[in-house]
Amino acid sequence: MDTYSVYFKETTPDNYHFLGFYQYRSKQEDFTFSFQRETDKLWKDLVILEIGPGGIKKGAIRLKQKFKVIIVAADVEKAVWETSSSPEKG
């Protein structure tokens, strides 16, 4: 199995959270200070963990589902913002 963040080894699956992951990562030497890169790291870790043992797998799937909801919500908000801020043609 590929490597993933130690956060997921030190944290029980029921306690996997975005904020906890980012707080953990911010203390690591290889922290990038880039939200996009850290989000990519989180996503890759979750993909790896989906094939892990029971509890870890369930925790990863739960967090990944929340991740997808956030992405969809952000896309909808962006579309609404772009629509409401675009000049009307008439």
PDB file of N, CA and C in Angstrom:
ATOM      1  N   MET A   1       0.854  -1.180   0.000  1.00  0.00           N
ATOM      2  CA  MET A   1       0.000   0.000   0.000  1.00  0.00           C
ATOM      3  C   MET A   1       0.896   1.237   0.000  1.00  0.00           C
ATOM      4  N   ASP A   2       0.508   2.255  -0.769  1.00  0.00           N
ATOM      5  CA  ASP A   2       1.244   3.518  -0.801  1.00  0.00           C
ATOM      6  C   ASP A   2       1.197   4.176   0.574  1.00  0.00           C
ATOM      7  N   THR A   3       2.088   5.141   0.761  1.00  0.00           N
ATOM      8  CA  THR A   3       2.121   5.821   2.052  1.00  0.00           C
ATOM      9  C   THR A   3       1.062   6.914   2.117  1.00  0.00           C
ATOM     10  N   TYR A   4       0.625   7.186   3.315  1.00  0.00           N
ATOM     11  CA  TYR A   4      -0.341   8.251   3.563  1.00  0.00           C
ATOM     12  C   TYR A   4       0.059   8.941   4.857  1.00  0.00           C
ATOM     13  N   SER A   5      -0.542  10.052   5.122  1.00  0.00           N
ATOM     14  CA  SER A   5      -0.196  10.884   6.267  1.00  0.00           C
ATOM     15  C   SER A   5      -0.351  10.129   7.588  1.00  0.00           C
ATOM     16  N   VAL A   6       0.598  10.326   8.477  1.00  0.00           N
ATOM     17  CA  VAL A   6       0.563   9.710   9.798  1.00  0.00           C
ATOM     18  C   VAL A   6      -0.671  10.161  10.581  1.00  0.00           C
ATOM     19  N   TYR A   7      -1.238  11.297  10.208  1.00  0.00           N
ATOM     20  CA  TYR A   7      -2.469  11.781  10.852  1.00  0.00           C
ATOM     21  C   TYR A   7      -3.505  10.667  10.921  1.00  0.00           C
ATOM     22  N   PHE A   8      -3.615   9.891   9.862  1.00  0.00           N
ATOM     23  CA  PHE A   8      -4.634   8.849   9.793  1.00  0.00           C
ATOM     24  C   PHE A   8      -4.274   7.630  10.637  1.00  0.00           C
ATOM     25  N   LYS A   9      -3.002   7.493  11.011  1.00  0.00           N
ATOM     26  CA  LYS A   9      -2.589   6.418  11.914  1.00  0.00           C
ATOM     27  C   LYS A   9      -2.776   6.841  13.367  1.00  0.00           C
ATOM     28  N   GLU A  10      -2.571   8.129  13.635  1.00  0.00           N
ATOM     29  CA  GLU A  10      -2.647   8.641  15.005  1.00  0.00           C
ATOM     30  C   GLU A  10      -4.063   9.036  15.421  1.00  0.00           C
ATOM     31  N   THR A  11      -4.958   9.152  14.466  1.00  0.00           N
ATOM     32  CA  THR A  11      -6.325   9.606  14.728  1.00  0.00           C
ATOM     33  C   THR A  11      -7.289   8.456  14.482  1.00  0.00           C
ATOM     34  N   THR A  12      -8.258   8.278  15.374  1.00  0.00           N
ATOM     35  CA  THR A  12      -9.246   7.224  15.151  1.00  0.00           C
ATOM     36  C   THR A  12     -10.143   7.619  13.977  1.00  0.00           C
ATOM     37  N   PRO A  13     -10.584   6.659  13.177  1.00  0.00           N
ATOM     38  CA  PRO A  13     -11.388   6.965  11.990  1.00  0.00           C
ATOM     39  C   PRO A  13     -12.614   7.831  12.256  1.00  0.00           C
ATOM     40  N   ASP A  14     -13.245   7.674  13.415  1.00  0.00           N
ATOM     41  CA  ASP A  14     -14.413   8.503  13.737  1.00  0.00           C
ATOM     42  C   ASP A  14     -14.042   9.965  13.939  1.00  0.00           C
ATOM     43  N   ASN A  15     -12.765  10.233  14.141  1.00  0.00           N
ATOM     44  CA  ASN A  15     -12.304  11.601  14.389  1.00  0.00           C
ATOM     45  C   ASN A  15     -11.557  12.210  13.212  1.00  0.00           C
ATOM     46  N   TYR A  16     -11.645  11.590  12.032  1.00  0.00           N
ATOM     47  CA  TYR A  16     -11.037  12.189  10.843  1.00  0.00           C
ATOM     48  C   TYR A  16     -11.814  13.456  10.487  1.00  0.00           C
ATOM     49  N   HIS A  17     -11.116  14.580  10.407  1.00  0.00           N
ATOM     50  CA  HIS A  17     -11.740  15.856  10.052  1.00  0.00           C
ATOM     51  C   HIS A  17     -10.779  16.671   9.205  1.00  0.00           C
ATOM     52  N   PHE A  18     -11.331  17.499   8.344  1.00  0.00           N
ATOM     53  CA  PHE A  18     -10.501  18.359   7.498  1.00  0.00           C
ATOM     54  C   PHE A  18      -9.581  19.236   8.338  1.00  0.00           C
ATOM     55  N   LEU A  19     -10.142  19.911   9.310  1.00  0.00           N
ATOM     56  CA  LEU A  19      -9.359  20.837  10.119  1.00  0.00           C
ATOM     57  C   LEU A  19      -8.241  20.111  10.868  1.00  0.00           C
ATOM     58  N   GLY A  20      -8.555  18.949  11.418  1.00  0.00           N
ATOM     59  CA  GLY A  20      -7.540  18.165  12.118  1.00  0.00           C
ATOM     60  C   GLY A  20      -6.398  17.784  11.195  1.00  0.00           C
ATOM     61  N   PHE A  21      -6.738  17.390   9.971  1.00  0.00           N
ATOM     62  CA  PHE A  21      -5.712  17.036   8.991  1.00  0.00           C
ATOM     63  C   PHE A  21      -4.827  18.238   8.691  1.00  0.00           C
ATOM     64  N   TYR A  22      -5.434  19.393   8.429  1.00  0.00           N
ATOM     65  CA  TYR A  22      -4.653  20.588   8.089  1.00  0.00           C
ATOM     66  C   TYR A  22      -3.814  21.059   9.269  1.00  0.00           C
ATOM     67  N   GLN A  23      -4.346  20.946  10.480  1.00  0.00           N
ATOM     68  CA  GLN A  23      -3.559  21.325  11.659  1.00  0.00           C
ATOM     69  C   GLN A  23      -2.353  20.406  11.808  1.00  0.00           C
ATOM     70  N   TYR A  24      -2.572  19.123  11.608  1.00  0.00           N
ATOM     71  CA  TYR A  24      -1.468  18.163  11.665  1.00  0.00           C
ATOM     72  C   TYR A  24      -0.430  18.485  10.595  1.00  0.00           C
ATOM     73  N   ARG A  25      -0.896  18.671   9.371  1.00  0.00           N
ATOM     74  CA  ARG A  25       0.022  18.934   8.253  1.00  0.00           C
ATOM     75  C   ARG A  25       0.823  20.215   8.470  1.00  0.00           C
ATOM     76  N   SER A  26       0.229  21.229   9.065  1.00  0.00           N
ATOM     77  CA  SER A  26       0.912  22.509   9.254  1.00  0.00           C
ATOM     78  C   SER A  26       2.138  22.383  10.154  1.00  0.00           C
ATOM     79  N   LYS A  27       2.215  21.297  10.911  1.00  0.00           N
ATOM     80  CA  LYS A  27       3.349  21.076  11.805  1.00  0.00           C
ATOM     81  C   LYS A  27       4.423  20.179  11.187  1.00  0.00           C
ATOM     82  N   GLN A  28       4.183  19.734   9.948  1.00  0.00           N
ATOM     83  CA  GLN A  28       5.130  18.841   9.294  1.00  0.00           C
ATOM     84  C   GLN A  28       6.158  19.627   8.485  1.00  0.00           C
ATOM     85  N   GLU A  29       7.363  19.063   8.375  1.00  0.00           N
ATOM     86  CA  GLU A  29       8.438  19.725   7.628  1.00  0.00           C
ATOM     87  C   GLU A  29       8.085  19.952   6.164  1.00  0.00           C
ATOM     88  N   ASP A  30       7.332  19.029   5.583  1.00  0.00           N
ATOM     89  CA  ASP A  30       7.013  19.134   4.157  1.00  0.00           C
ATOM     90  C   ASP A  30       5.708  19.889   3.886  1.00  0.00           C
ATOM     91  N   PHE A  31       5.191  20.606   4.894  1.00  0.00           N
ATOM     92  CA  PHE A  31       3.978  21.406   4.702  1.00  0.00           C
ATOM     93  C   PHE A  31       4.249  22.458   3.626  1.00  0.00           C
ATOM     94  N   THR A  32       3.319  22.612   2.697  1.00  0.00           N
ATOM     95  CA  THR A  32       3.558  23.454   1.516  1.00  0.00           C
ATOM     96  C   THR A  32       3.053  24.886   1.648  1.00  0.00           C
ATOM     97  N   PHE A  33       2.226  25.180   2.638  1.00  0.00           N
ATOM     98  CA  PHE A  33       1.603  26.501   2.781  1.00  0.00           C
ATOM     99  C   PHE A  33       0.711  26.834   1.586  1.00  0.00           C
ATOM    100  N   SER A  34       0.299  25.805   0.863  1.00  0.00           N
ATOM    101  CA  SER A  34      -0.600  25.963  -0.276  1.00  0.00           C
ATOM    102  C   SER A  34      -1.859  25.142   0.007  1.00  0.00           C
ATOM    103  N   PHE A  35      -2.993  25.829   0.134  1.00  0.00           N
ATOM    104  CA  PHE A  35      -4.236  25.123   0.407  1.00  0.00           C
ATOM    105  C   PHE A  35      -4.518  24.090  -0.681  1.00  0.00           C
ATOM    106  N   GLN A  36      -4.275  24.458  -1.935  1.00  0.00           N
ATOM    107  CA  GLN A  36      -4.546  23.539  -3.040  1.00  0.00           C
ATOM    108  C   GLN A  36      -3.670  22.288  -2.949  1.00  0.00           C
ATOM    109  N   ARG A  37      -2.399  22.460  -2.673  1.00  0.00           N
ATOM    110  CA  ARG A  37      -1.504  21.295  -2.577  1.00  0.00           C
ATOM    111  C   ARG A  37      -1.853  20.413  -1.383  1.00  0.00           C
ATOM    112  N   GLU A  38      -2.187  21.040  -0.270  1.00  0.00           N
ATOM    113  CA  GLU A  38      -2.552  20.259   0.909  1.00  0.00           C
ATOM    114  C   GLU A  38      -3.880  19.539   0.692  1.00  0.00           C
ATOM    115  N   THR A  39      -4.786  20.163  -0.025  1.00  0.00           N
ATOM    116  CA  THR A  39      -6.057  19.521  -0.360  1.00  0.00           C
ATOM    117  C   THR A  39      -5.815  18.336  -1.288  1.00  0.00           C
ATOM    118  N   ASP A  40      -4.910  18.500  -2.250  1.00  0.00           N
ATOM    119  CA  ASP A  40      -4.542  17.383  -3.128  1.00  0.00           C
ATOM    120  C   ASP A  40      -3.952  16.238  -2.315  1.00  0.00           C
ATOM    121  N   LYS A  41      -3.106  16.561  -1.340  1.00  0.00           N
ATOM    122  CA  LYS A  41      -2.505  15.544  -0.468  1.00  0.00           C
ATOM    123  C   LYS A  41      -3.602  14.805   0.303  1.00  0.00           C
ATOM    124  N   LEU A  42      -4.539  15.551   0.849  1.00  0.00           N
ATOM    125  CA  LEU A  42      -5.645  14.934   1.579  1.00  0.00           C
ATOM    126  C   LEU A  42      -6.429  13.993   0.671  1.00  0.00           C
ATOM    127  N   TRP A  43      -6.768  14.452  -0.532  1.00  0.00           N
ATOM    128  CA  TRP A  43      -7.546  13.628  -1.468  1.00  0.00           C
ATOM    129  C   TRP A  43      -6.793  12.339  -1.796  1.00  0.00           C
ATOM    130  N   LYS A  44      -5.501  12.443  -2.087  1.00  0.00           N
ATOM    131  CA  LYS A  44      -4.698  11.253  -2.410  1.00  0.00           C
ATOM    132  C   LYS A  44      -4.649  10.294  -1.226  1.00  0.00           C
ATOM    133  N   ASP A  45      -4.498  10.834  -0.027  1.00  0.00           N
ATOM    134  CA  ASP A  45      -4.508   9.987   1.168  1.00  0.00           C
ATOM    135  C   ASP A  45      -5.835   9.250   1.297  1.00  0.00           C
ATOM    136  N   LEU A  46      -6.930   9.944   1.073  1.00  0.00           N
ATOM    137  CA  LEU A  46      -8.247   9.317   1.199  1.00  0.00           C
ATOM    138  C   LEU A  46      -8.444   8.216   0.168  1.00  0.00           C
ATOM    139  N   VAL A  47      -7.937   8.420  -1.035  1.00  0.00           N
ATOM    140  CA  VAL A  47      -8.029   7.386  -2.077  1.00  0.00           C
ATOM    141  C   VAL A  47      -7.259   6.140  -1.637  1.00  0.00           C
ATOM    142  N   ILE A  48      -6.064   6.338  -1.090  1.00  0.00           N
ATOM    143  CA  ILE A  48      -5.259   5.212  -0.601  1.00  0.00           C
ATOM    144  C   ILE A  48      -5.980   4.503   0.549  1.00  0.00           C
ATOM    145  N   LEU A  49      -6.525   5.270   1.469  1.00  0.00           N
ATOM    146  CA  LEU A  49      -7.164   4.701   2.658  1.00  0.00           C
ATOM    147  C   LEU A  49      -8.455   3.955   2.351  1.00  0.00           C
ATOM    148  N   GLU A  50      -9.064   4.245   1.221  1.00  0.00           N
ATOM    149  CA  GLU A  50     -10.310   3.548   0.847  1.00  0.00           C
ATOM    150  C   GLU A  50     -10.110   2.047   0.699  1.00  0.00           C
ATOM    151  N   ILE A  51      -8.886   1.626   0.467  1.00  0.00           N
ATOM    152  CA  ILE A  51      -8.631   0.188   0.340  1.00  0.00           C
ATOM    153  C   ILE A  51      -8.037  -0.386   1.630  1.00  0.00           C
ATOM    154  N   GLY A  52      -8.049   0.410   2.695  1.00  0.00           N
ATOM    155  CA  GLY A  52      -7.516  -0.010   3.988  1.00  0.00           C
ATOM    156  C   GLY A  52      -8.493  -0.892   4.745  1.00  0.00           C
ATOM    157  N   PRO A  53      -8.099  -1.271   5.967  1.00  0.00           N
ATOM    158  CA  PRO A  53      -8.973  -2.107   6.794  1.00  0.00           C
ATOM    159  C   PRO A  53     -10.239  -1.377   7.235  1.00  0.00           C
ATOM    160  N   GLY A  54     -11.244  -2.133   7.627  1.00  0.00           N
ATOM    161  CA  GLY A  54     -12.584  -1.690   8.000  1.00  0.00           C
ATOM    162  C   GLY A  54     -12.794  -0.282   8.500  1.00  0.00           C
ATOM    163  N   GLY A  55     -12.356   0.007   9.736  1.00  0.00           N
ATOM    164  CA  GLY A  55     -12.617   1.313  10.337  1.00  0.00           C
ATOM    165  C   GLY A  55     -11.948   2.441   9.584  1.00  0.00           C
ATOM    166  N   ILE A  56     -10.712   2.216   9.170  1.00  0.00           N
ATOM    167  CA  ILE A  56      -9.982   3.236   8.410  1.00  0.00           C
ATOM    168  C   ILE A  56     -10.697   3.503   7.094  1.00  0.00           C
ATOM    169  N   LYS A  57     -11.111   2.435   6.446  1.00  0.00           N
ATOM    170  CA  LYS A  57     -11.823   2.563   5.167  1.00  0.00           C
ATOM    171  C   LYS A  57     -13.112   3.366   5.353  1.00  0.00           C
ATOM    172  N   LYS A  58     -13.882   3.042   6.378  1.00  0.00           N
ATOM    173  CA  LYS A  58     -15.141   3.757   6.631  1.00  0.00           C
ATOM    174  C   LYS A  58     -14.890   5.232   6.918  1.00  0.00           C
ATOM    175  N   GLY A  59     -13.872   5.522   7.731  1.00  0.00           N
ATOM    176  CA  GLY A  59     -13.536   6.911   8.044  1.00  0.00           C
ATOM    177  C   GLY A  59     -13.113   7.681   6.807  1.00  0.00           C
ATOM    178  N   ALA A  60     -12.326   7.029   5.950  1.00  0.00           N
ATOM    179  CA  ALA A  60     -11.866   7.670   4.718  1.00  0.00           C
ATOM    180  C   ALA A  60     -13.030   7.928   3.769  1.00  0.00           C
ATOM    181  N   ILE A  61     -13.910   6.962   3.626  1.00  0.00           N
ATOM    182  CA  ILE A  61     -15.068   7.123   2.738  1.00  0.00           C
ATOM    183  C   ILE A  61     -15.971   8.242   3.250  1.00  0.00           C
ATOM    184  N   ARG A  62     -16.182   8.300   4.565  1.00  0.00           N
ATOM    185  CA  ARG A  62     -17.022   9.352   5.155  1.00  0.00           C
ATOM    186  C   ARG A  62     -16.432  10.731   4.871  1.00  0.00           C
ATOM    187  N   LEU A  63     -15.123  10.875   5.088  1.00  0.00           N
ATOM    188  CA  LEU A  63     -14.483  12.168   4.854  1.00  0.00           C
ATOM    189  C   LEU A  63     -14.465  12.509   3.365  1.00  0.00           C
ATOM    190  N   LYS A  64     -14.279  11.499   2.526  1.00  0.00           N
ATOM    191  CA  LYS A  64     -14.274  11.729   1.078  1.00  0.00           C
ATOM    192  C   LYS A  64     -15.653  12.176   0.595  1.00  0.00           C
ATOM    193  N   GLN A  65     -16.716  11.610   1.159  1.00  0.00           N
ATOM    194  CA  GLN A  65     -18.073  12.037   0.793  1.00  0.00           C
ATOM    195  C   GLN A  65     -18.288  13.499   1.159  1.00  0.00           C
ATOM    196  N   LYS A  66     -17.823  13.894   2.341  1.00  0.00           N
ATOM    197  CA  LYS A  66     -17.933  15.300   2.743  1.00  0.00           C
ATOM    198  C   LYS A  66     -17.126  16.183   1.808  1.00  0.00           C
ATOM    199  N   PHE A  67     -15.986  15.698   1.401  1.00  0.00           N
ATOM    200  CA  PHE A  67     -15.113  16.416   0.477  1.00  0.00           C
ATOM    201  C   PHE A  67     -15.870  16.694  -0.816  1.00  0.00           C
ATOM    202  N   LYS A  68     -16.555  15.680  -1.348  1.00  0.00           N
ATOM    203  CA  LYS A  68     -17.312  15.839  -2.593  1.00  0.00           C
ATOM    204  C   LYS A  68     -18.442  16.846  -2.427  1.00  0.00           C
ATOM    205  N   VAL A  69     -19.123  16.828  -1.298  1.00  0.00           N
ATOM    206  CA  VAL A  69     -20.211  17.772  -1.040  1.00  0.00           C
ATOM    207  C   VAL A  69     -19.666  19.195  -1.015  1.00  0.00           C
ATOM    208  N   ILE A  70     -18.521  19.389  -0.402  1.00  0.00           N
ATOM    209  CA  ILE A  70     -17.907  20.721  -0.346  1.00  0.00           C
ATOM    210  C   ILE A  70     -17.556  21.201  -1.747  1.00  0.00           C
ATOM    211  N   ILE A  71     -17.016  20.324  -2.574  1.00  0.00           N
ATOM    212  CA  ILE A  71     -16.651  20.697  -3.944  1.00  0.00           C
ATOM    213  C   ILE A  71     -17.893  21.096  -4.729  1.00  0.00           C
ATOM    214  N   VAL A  72     -18.962  20.311  -4.629  1.00  0.00           N
ATOM    215  CA  VAL A  72     -20.207  20.629  -5.337  1.00  0.00           C
ATOM    216  C   VAL A  72     -20.775  21.949  -4.831  1.00  0.00           C
ATOM    217  N   ALA A  73     -20.796  22.141  -3.517  1.00  0.00           N
ATOM    218  CA  ALA A  73     -21.320  23.384  -2.949  1.00  0.00           C
ATOM    219  C   ALA A  73     -20.507  24.584  -3.426  1.00  0.00           C
ATOM    220  N   ALA A  74     -19.196  24.432  -3.495  1.00  0.00           N
ATOM    221  CA  ALA A  74     -18.337  25.525  -3.961  1.00  0.00           C
ATOM    222  C   ALA A  74     -18.608  25.825  -5.432  1.00  0.00           C
ATOM    223  N   ASP A  75     -18.810  24.778  -6.234  1.00  0.00           N
ATOM    224  CA  ASP A  75     -19.114  24.983  -7.653  1.00  0.00           C
ATOM    225  C   ASP A  75     -20.453  25.699  -7.830  1.00  0.00           C
ATOM    226  N   VAL A  76     -21.454  25.316  -7.042  1.00  0.00           N
ATOM    227  CA  VAL A  76     -22.767  25.961  -7.120  1.00  0.00           C
ATOM    228  C   VAL A  76     -22.651  27.421  -6.697  1.00  0.00           C
ATOM    229  N   GLU A  77     -21.947  27.666  -5.610  1.00  0.00           N
ATOM    230  CA  GLU A  77     -21.774  29.044  -5.131  1.00  0.00           C
ATOM    231  C   GLU A  77     -21.053  29.893  -6.179  1.00  0.00           C
ATOM    232  N   LYS A  78     -20.043  29.327  -6.803  1.00  0.00           N
ATOM    233  CA  LYS A  78     -19.306  30.048  -7.847  1.00  0.00           C
ATOM    234  C   LYS A  78     -20.231  30.374  -9.018  1.00  0.00           C
ATOM    235  N   ALA A  79     -21.045  29.396  -9.432  1.00  0.00           N
ATOM    236  CA  ALA A  79     -21.965  29.614 -10.551  1.00  0.00           C
ATOM    237  C   ALA A  79     -22.993  30.689 -10.212  1.00  0.00           C
ATOM    238  N   VAL A  80     -23.510  30.663  -8.995  1.00  0.00           N
ATOM    239  CA  VAL A  80     -24.487  31.675  -8.574  1.00  0.00           C
ATOM    240  C   VAL A  80     -23.829  33.043  -8.559  1.00  0.00           C
ATOM    241  N   TRP A  81     -22.627  33.126  -8.019  1.00  0.00           N
ATOM    242  CA  TRP A  81     -21.906  34.396  -7.945  1.00  0.00           C
ATOM    243  C   TRP A  81     -21.653  34.947  -9.349  1.00  0.00           C
ATOM    244  N   GLU A  82     -21.185  34.078 -10.254  1.00  0.00           N
ATOM    245  CA  GLU A  82     -20.897  34.527 -11.618  1.00  0.00           C
ATOM    246  C   GLU A  82     -22.165  34.982 -12.324  1.00  0.00           C
ATOM    247  N   THR A  83     -23.277  34.275 -12.095  1.00  0.00           N
ATOM    248  CA  THR A  83     -24.545  34.636 -12.717  1.00  0.00           C
ATOM    249  C   THR A  83     -25.061  35.961 -12.165  1.00  0.00           C
ATOM    250  N   SER A  84     -24.985  36.124 -10.857  1.00  0.00           N
ATOM    251  CA  SER A  84     -25.526  37.338 -10.247  1.00  0.00           C
ATOM    252  C   SER A  84     -24.646  38.558 -10.488  1.00  0.00           C
ATOM    253  N   SER A  85     -23.373  38.358 -10.759  1.00  0.00           N
ATOM    254  CA  SER A  85     -22.491  39.508 -10.960  1.00  0.00           C
ATOM    255  C   SER A  85     -22.259  39.831 -12.436  1.00  0.00           C
ATOM    256  N   SER A  86     -22.809  39.007 -13.336  1.00  0.00           N
ATOM    257  CA  SER A  86     -22.629  39.296 -14.761  1.00  0.00           C
ATOM    258  C   SER A  86     -23.647  40.345 -15.212  1.00  0.00           C
ATOM    259  N   PRO A  87     -23.234  41.234 -16.106  1.00  0.00           N
ATOM    260  CA  PRO A  87     -24.171  42.264 -16.583  1.00  0.00           C
ATOM    261  C   PRO A  87     -25.302  41.638 -17.398  1.00  0.00           C
ATOM    262  N   GLU A  88     -26.487  42.143 -17.187  1.00  0.00           N
ATOM    263  CA  GLU A  88     -27.637  41.644 -17.944  1.00  0.00           C
ATOM    264  C   GLU A  88     -27.564  42.163 -19.373  1.00  0.00           C
ATOM    265  N   LYS A  89     -27.931  41.303 -20.275  1.00  0.00           N
ATOM    266  CA  LYS A  89     -27.964  41.711 -21.685  1.00  0.00           C
ATOM    267  C   LYS A  89     -29.396  42.037 -22.038  1.00  0.00           C
ATOM    268  N   GLY A  90     -29.595  43.120 -22.704  1.00  0.00           N
ATOM    269  CA  GLY A  90     -30.972  43.438 -23.012  1.00  0.00           C
ATOM    270  C   GLY A  90     -31.135  44.393 -24.046  1.00  0.00           C
TER     271      GLY A  90
END
